[in-house]
Amino acid sequence: MALTGTIAINVNMSHTKAGVDLSTPKDSLARSYSLAFADGTAVDQADEIYHDQVALAASANTTLDLTGGLTDAFGTAITGAEIACLIIKNNDTVTTLSVGNATNAVDSMWESASDAIIINPLGVFMIGSTSATGHSLTATTADELKLTRGAGTVTDNTFDIIIVLRSA
């Protein structure tokens, strides 16, 4: 099996202000950022991917073990050594989704293992790099992502998660 692909962010924004003398000034921004991966475990490479849509009730949590607790789309165990890219999309329109603060947290991703990031309703979080060093994982001590749904009325209890990893 081989893993190849690109992850891209495209920003296209236009900002205008009417009524400035005889003109309408306009500020246009067009930027693209991308991460391209070939198959492997070095710079610009990755060799494992996990993706899922997960249901999580209000105030509930789930912990993902990234060094043996997940399988890919073909049923093969993921044995990640480092995260090259993490994308999480909160599909709920009302409640937040917290990522982090696991017992055996991926401590290379956070300043402190007890840190977490809050993804607002309908929000997206992404962190990634094609450099030689991803966010390192250590089996049983630093390999967990904990996701916690906020309290309140849940309209869509799912979140989408994509994790691109290197096995070595």
C-alpha atoms as a PDB file:
ATOM      1  CA  MET A   1       0.000   0.000   0.000  1.00  0.00           C
ATOM      2  CA  ALA A   2       1.143   3.533  -0.734  1.00  0.00           C
ATOM      3  CA  LEU A   3      -0.072   6.820   0.707  1.00  0.00           C
ATOM      4  CA  THR A   4       0.200  10.021  -1.342  1.00  0.00           C
ATOM      5  CA  GLY A   5      -1.769  13.235  -1.389  1.00  0.00           C
ATOM      6  CA  THR A   6      -2.137  16.935  -0.722  1.00  0.00           C
ATOM      7  CA  ILE A   7      -3.869  18.886   2.017  1.00  0.00           C
ATOM      8  CA  ALA A   8      -4.704  22.469   1.028  1.00  0.00           C
ATOM      9  CA  ILE A   9      -6.107  25.617   2.575  1.00  0.00           C
ATOM     10  CA  ASN A  10      -7.344  28.293   0.193  1.00  0.00           C
ATOM     11  CA  VAL A  11      -8.135  31.815   1.381  1.00  0.00           C
ATOM     12  CA  ASN A  12     -10.069  34.096  -0.998  1.00  0.00           C
ATOM     13  CA  MET A  13     -11.417  37.218   0.694  1.00  0.00           C
ATOM     14  CA  SER A  14     -12.576  40.583  -0.626  1.00  0.00           C
ATOM     15  CA  HIS A  15     -13.029  43.623   1.627  1.00  0.00           C
ATOM     16  CA  THR A  16     -14.649  46.801   0.288  1.00  0.00           C
ATOM     17  CA  LYS A  17     -15.590  50.148   1.757  1.00  0.00           C
ATOM     18  CA  ALA A  18     -18.241  52.167  -0.038  1.00  0.00           C
ATOM     19  CA  GLY A  19     -18.548  55.932  -0.081  1.00  0.00           C
ATOM     20  CA  VAL A  20     -14.912  57.027  -0.106  1.00  0.00           C
ATOM     21  CA  ASP A  21     -14.982  60.066  -2.354  1.00  0.00           C
ATOM     22  CA  LEU A  22     -15.659  58.852  -5.891  1.00  0.00           C
ATOM     23  CA  SER A  23     -14.335  55.317  -5.470  1.00  0.00           C
ATOM     24  CA  THR A  24     -14.969  52.068  -3.658  1.00  0.00           C
ATOM     25  CA  PRO A  25     -11.641  50.861  -2.283  1.00  0.00           C
ATOM     26  CA  LYS A  26     -11.134  47.124  -2.363  1.00  0.00           C
ATOM     27  CA  ASP A  27      -8.651  44.870  -0.593  1.00  0.00           C
ATOM     28  CA  SER A  28      -8.382  41.400  -2.132  1.00  0.00           C
ATOM     29  CA  LEU A  29      -6.575  38.509  -0.527  1.00  0.00           C
ATOM     30  CA  ALA A  30      -5.874  35.244  -2.316  1.00  0.00           C
ATOM     31  CA  ARG A  31      -3.561  32.782  -0.568  1.00  0.00           C
ATOM     32  CA  SER A  32      -3.071  29.051  -0.795  1.00  0.00           C
ATOM     33  CA  TYR A  33      -1.172  26.857   1.630  1.00  0.00           C
ATOM     34  CA  SER A  34      -0.591  23.179   1.016  1.00  0.00           C
ATOM     35  CA  LEU A  35       1.111  20.118   2.424  1.00  0.00           C
ATOM     36  CA  ALA A  36       2.086  17.513  -0.175  1.00  0.00           C
ATOM     37  CA  PHE A  37       2.936  14.003   0.982  1.00  0.00           C
ATOM     38  CA  ALA A  38       4.662  11.162  -0.835  1.00  0.00           C
ATOM     39  CA  ASP A  39       4.714   7.644   0.622  1.00  0.00           C
ATOM     40  CA  GLY A  40       7.366   7.110   3.302  1.00  0.00           C
ATOM     41  CA  THR A  41       8.640   8.279   6.684  1.00  0.00           C
ATOM     42  CA  ALA A  42      10.969  11.195   5.851  1.00  0.00           C
ATOM     43  CA  VAL A  43      10.606  14.871   4.861  1.00  0.00           C
ATOM     44  CA  ASP A  44       7.476  15.475   2.730  1.00  0.00           C
ATOM     45  CA  GLN A  45       6.284  11.930   3.437  1.00  0.00           C
ATOM     46  CA  ALA A  46       3.684   9.988   5.422  1.00  0.00           C
ATOM     47  CA  ASP A  47       2.654   6.348   5.335  1.00  0.00           C
ATOM     48  CA  GLU A  48      -0.480   6.017   7.510  1.00  0.00           C
ATOM     49  CA  ILE A  49      -3.871   7.741   7.569  1.00  0.00           C
ATOM     50  CA  TYR A  50      -6.851   7.465   9.885  1.00  0.00           C
ATOM     51  CA  HIS A  51     -10.185   9.117   9.130  1.00  0.00           C
ATOM     52  CA  ASP A  52     -13.599   8.787  10.679  1.00  0.00           C
ATOM     53  CA  GLN A  53     -16.823  10.557  11.562  1.00  0.00           C
ATOM     54  CA  VAL A  54     -17.381  10.019  15.283  1.00  0.00           C
ATOM     55  CA  ALA A  55     -20.590  10.543  17.266  1.00  0.00           C
ATOM     56  CA  LEU A  56     -20.168  12.031  20.730  1.00  0.00           C
ATOM     57  CA  ALA A  57     -23.118  12.916  23.011  1.00  0.00           C
ATOM     58  CA  ALA A  58     -23.235  16.085  25.142  1.00  0.00           C
ATOM     59  CA  SER A  59     -20.531  16.106  27.861  1.00  0.00           C
ATOM     60  CA  ALA A  60     -19.200  12.721  26.680  1.00  0.00           C
ATOM     61  CA  ASN A  61     -15.615  12.053  25.679  1.00  0.00           C
ATOM     62  CA  THR A  62     -13.565   9.569  23.711  1.00  0.00           C
ATOM     63  CA  THR A  63      -9.829   8.913  23.693  1.00  0.00           C
ATOM     64  CA  LEU A  64      -7.988   7.796  20.564  1.00  0.00           C
ATOM     65  CA  ASP A  65      -4.833   5.687  21.013  1.00  0.00           C
ATOM     66  CA  LEU A  66      -2.630   6.621  18.049  1.00  0.00           C
ATOM     67  CA  THR A  67      -0.030   3.839  18.462  1.00  0.00           C
ATOM     68  CA  GLY A  68      -2.114   0.712  18.205  1.00  0.00           C
ATOM     69  CA  GLY A  69      -5.709   1.589  19.006  1.00  0.00           C
ATOM     70  CA  LEU A  70      -6.788   2.610  15.493  1.00  0.00           C
ATOM     71  CA  THR A  71      -7.104   0.879  12.141  1.00  0.00           C
ATOM     72  CA  ASP A  72      -7.022   2.339   8.652  1.00  0.00           C
ATOM     73  CA  ALA A  73      -9.710   1.932   5.975  1.00  0.00           C
ATOM     74  CA  PHE A  74      -8.267  -1.492   5.091  1.00  0.00           C
ATOM     75  CA  GLY A  75      -8.397  -2.831   8.662  1.00  0.00           C
ATOM     76  CA  THR A  76      -4.642  -2.543   9.202  1.00  0.00           C
ATOM     77  CA  ALA A  77      -3.494  -1.424  12.660  1.00  0.00           C
ATOM     78  CA  ILE A  78      -1.995   2.068  12.758  1.00  0.00           C
ATOM     79  CA  THR A  79       1.323   2.159  14.591  1.00  0.00           C
ATOM     80  CA  GLY A  80       2.120   5.854  14.322  1.00  0.00           C
ATOM     81  CA  ALA A  81       5.449   7.233  15.486  1.00  0.00           C
ATOM     82  CA  GLU A  82       4.522  10.857  14.731  1.00  0.00           C
ATOM     83  CA  ILE A  83       1.654  12.994  13.507  1.00  0.00           C
ATOM     84  CA  ALA A  84       2.275  14.811  10.226  1.00  0.00           C
ATOM     85  CA  CYS A  85      -1.180  16.424  10.051  1.00  0.00           C
ATOM     86  CA  LEU A  86      -4.304  16.531  12.214  1.00  0.00           C
ATOM     87  CA  ILE A  87      -7.650  17.931  11.022  1.00  0.00           C
ATOM     88  CA  ILE A  88     -10.804  17.989  13.158  1.00  0.00           C
ATOM     89  CA  LYS A  89     -14.172  19.448  12.086  1.00  0.00           C
ATOM     90  CA  ASN A  90     -16.875  19.993  14.716  1.00  0.00           C
ATOM     91  CA  ASN A  91     -20.182  19.352  12.922  1.00  0.00           C
ATOM     92  CA  ASP A  92     -22.404  20.555  15.781  1.00  0.00           C
ATOM     93  CA  THR A  93     -24.065  23.985  15.492  1.00  0.00           C
ATOM     94  CA  VAL A  94     -24.356  24.575  19.253  1.00  0.00           C
ATOM     95  CA  THR A  95     -21.767  22.739  21.369  1.00  0.00           C
ATOM     96  CA  THR A  96     -18.001  22.957  21.436  1.00  0.00           C
ATOM     97  CA  LEU A  97     -15.490  20.146  21.041  1.00  0.00           C
ATOM     98  CA  SER A  98     -12.382  20.064  23.246  1.00  0.00           C
ATOM     99  CA  VAL A  99      -9.213  18.322  22.007  1.00  0.00           C
ATOM    100  CA  GLY A 100      -6.446  17.468  24.470  1.00  0.00           C
ATOM    101  CA  ASN A 101      -5.939  16.824  28.172  1.00  0.00           C
ATOM    102  CA  ALA A 102      -5.690  13.034  27.810  1.00  0.00           C
ATOM    103  CA  THR A 103      -4.092  10.844  30.462  1.00  0.00           C
ATOM    104  CA  ASN A 104      -1.261   9.931  28.067  1.00  0.00           C
ATOM    105  CA  ALA A 105      -1.490  13.011  25.848  1.00  0.00           C
ATOM    106  CA  VAL A 106       0.499  13.646  22.698  1.00  0.00           C
ATOM    107  CA  ASP A 107       2.699  16.019  24.701  1.00  0.00           C
ATOM    108  CA  SER A 108       4.753  17.179  21.709  1.00  0.00           C
ATOM    109  CA  MET A 109       1.617  18.903  20.373  1.00  0.00           C
ATOM    110  CA  TRP A 110       0.806  20.902  23.515  1.00  0.00           C
ATOM    111  CA  GLU A 111       2.828  23.150  25.810  1.00  0.00           C
ATOM    112  CA  SER A 112       1.603  20.968  28.673  1.00  0.00           C
ATOM    113  CA  ALA A 113      -0.004  17.516  28.545  1.00  0.00           C
ATOM    114  CA  SER A 114      -3.072  18.933  30.328  1.00  0.00           C
ATOM    115  CA  ASP A 115      -3.638  21.609  27.644  1.00  0.00           C
ATOM    116  CA  ALA A 116      -6.577  21.456  25.254  1.00  0.00           C
ATOM    117  CA  ILE A 117      -7.941  23.468  22.361  1.00  0.00           C
ATOM    118  CA  ILE A 118     -11.635  24.306  22.037  1.00  0.00           C
ATOM    119  CA  ILE A 119     -13.176  23.941  18.585  1.00  0.00           C
ATOM    120  CA  ASN A 120     -16.249  26.144  18.374  1.00  0.00           C
ATOM    121  CA  PRO A 121     -19.501  24.946  16.773  1.00  0.00           C
ATOM    122  CA  LEU A 122     -18.941  24.307  13.038  1.00  0.00           C
ATOM    123  CA  GLY A 123     -15.245  25.054  13.560  1.00  0.00           C
ATOM    124  CA  VAL A 124     -12.201  23.388  12.031  1.00  0.00           C
ATOM    125  CA  PHE A 125      -8.806  22.811  13.653  1.00  0.00           C
ATOM    126  CA  MET A 126      -5.741  21.860  11.639  1.00  0.00           C
ATOM    127  CA  ILE A 127      -2.079  21.464  12.459  1.00  0.00           C
ATOM    128  CA  GLY A 128       0.439  19.953  10.084  1.00  0.00           C
ATOM    129  CA  SER A 129       3.920  20.010   8.646  1.00  0.00           C
ATOM    130  CA  THR A 130       5.910  18.159   6.012  1.00  0.00           C
ATOM    131  CA  SER A 131       9.170  18.711   7.917  1.00  0.00           C
ATOM    132  CA  ALA A 132      11.330  15.812   9.047  1.00  0.00           C
ATOM    133  CA  THR A 133       9.919  16.108  12.570  1.00  0.00           C
ATOM    134  CA  GLY A 134       6.213  15.647  13.206  1.00  0.00           C
ATOM    135  CA  HIS A 135       4.513  15.557  16.594  1.00  0.00           C
ATOM    136  CA  SER A 136       6.150  12.512  18.157  1.00  0.00           C
ATOM    137  CA  LEU A 137       4.170   9.687  19.732  1.00  0.00           C
ATOM    138  CA  THR A 138       5.357   7.352  22.478  1.00  0.00           C
ATOM    139  CA  ALA A 139       3.324   4.173  22.999  1.00  0.00           C
ATOM    140  CA  THR A 140       1.508   4.020  26.363  1.00  0.00           C
ATOM    141  CA  THR A 141       2.868   7.377  27.633  1.00  0.00           C
ATOM    142  CA  ALA A 142       2.314  10.031  24.925  1.00  0.00           C
ATOM    143  CA  ASP A 143      -0.007   8.697  22.250  1.00  0.00           C
ATOM    144  CA  GLU A 144      -3.571   9.748  23.086  1.00  0.00           C
ATOM    145  CA  LEU A 145      -5.962  12.367  21.720  1.00  0.00           C
ATOM    146  CA  LYS A 146      -8.933  13.005  24.006  1.00  0.00           C
ATOM    147  CA  LEU A 147     -12.017  14.627  22.480  1.00  0.00           C
ATOM    148  CA  THR A 148     -14.763  15.974  24.757  1.00  0.00           C
ATOM    149  CA  ARG A 149     -18.143  17.304  23.634  1.00  0.00           C
ATOM    150  CA  GLY A 150     -19.336  20.443  25.434  1.00  0.00           C
ATOM    151  CA  ALA A 151     -22.454  20.471  27.585  1.00  0.00           C
ATOM    152  CA  GLY A 152     -25.796  21.619  26.229  1.00  0.00           C
ATOM    153  CA  THR A 153     -28.223  20.798  23.468  1.00  0.00           C
ATOM    154  CA  VAL A 154     -26.480  18.858  20.728  1.00  0.00           C
ATOM    155  CA  THR A 155     -27.840  19.372  17.195  1.00  0.00           C
ATOM    156  CA  ASP A 156     -25.295  17.166  15.381  1.00  0.00           C
ATOM    157  CA  ASN A 157     -23.160  15.112  17.727  1.00  0.00           C
ATOM    158  CA  THR A 158     -20.568  14.154  15.117  1.00  0.00           C
ATOM    159  CA  PHE A 159     -17.081  15.344  14.361  1.00  0.00           C
ATOM    160  CA  ASP A 160     -14.824  14.487  11.437  1.00  0.00           C
ATOM    161  CA  ILE A 161     -11.211  13.582  12.134  1.00  0.00           C
ATOM    162  CA  ILE A 162      -8.297  13.000   9.760  1.00  0.00           C
ATOM    163  CA  ILE A 163      -4.847  12.044  11.064  1.00  0.00           C
ATOM    164  CA  VAL A 164      -1.891  11.674   8.697  1.00  0.00           C
ATOM    165  CA  LEU A 165       0.987   9.827  10.380  1.00  0.00           C
ATOM    166  CA  ARG A 166       4.455   8.430   9.893  1.00  0.00           C
ATOM    167  CA  SER A 167       5.120   4.950  11.240  1.00  0.00           C
ATOM    168  CA  ALA A 168       8.805   5.652  11.922  1.00  0.00           C
END
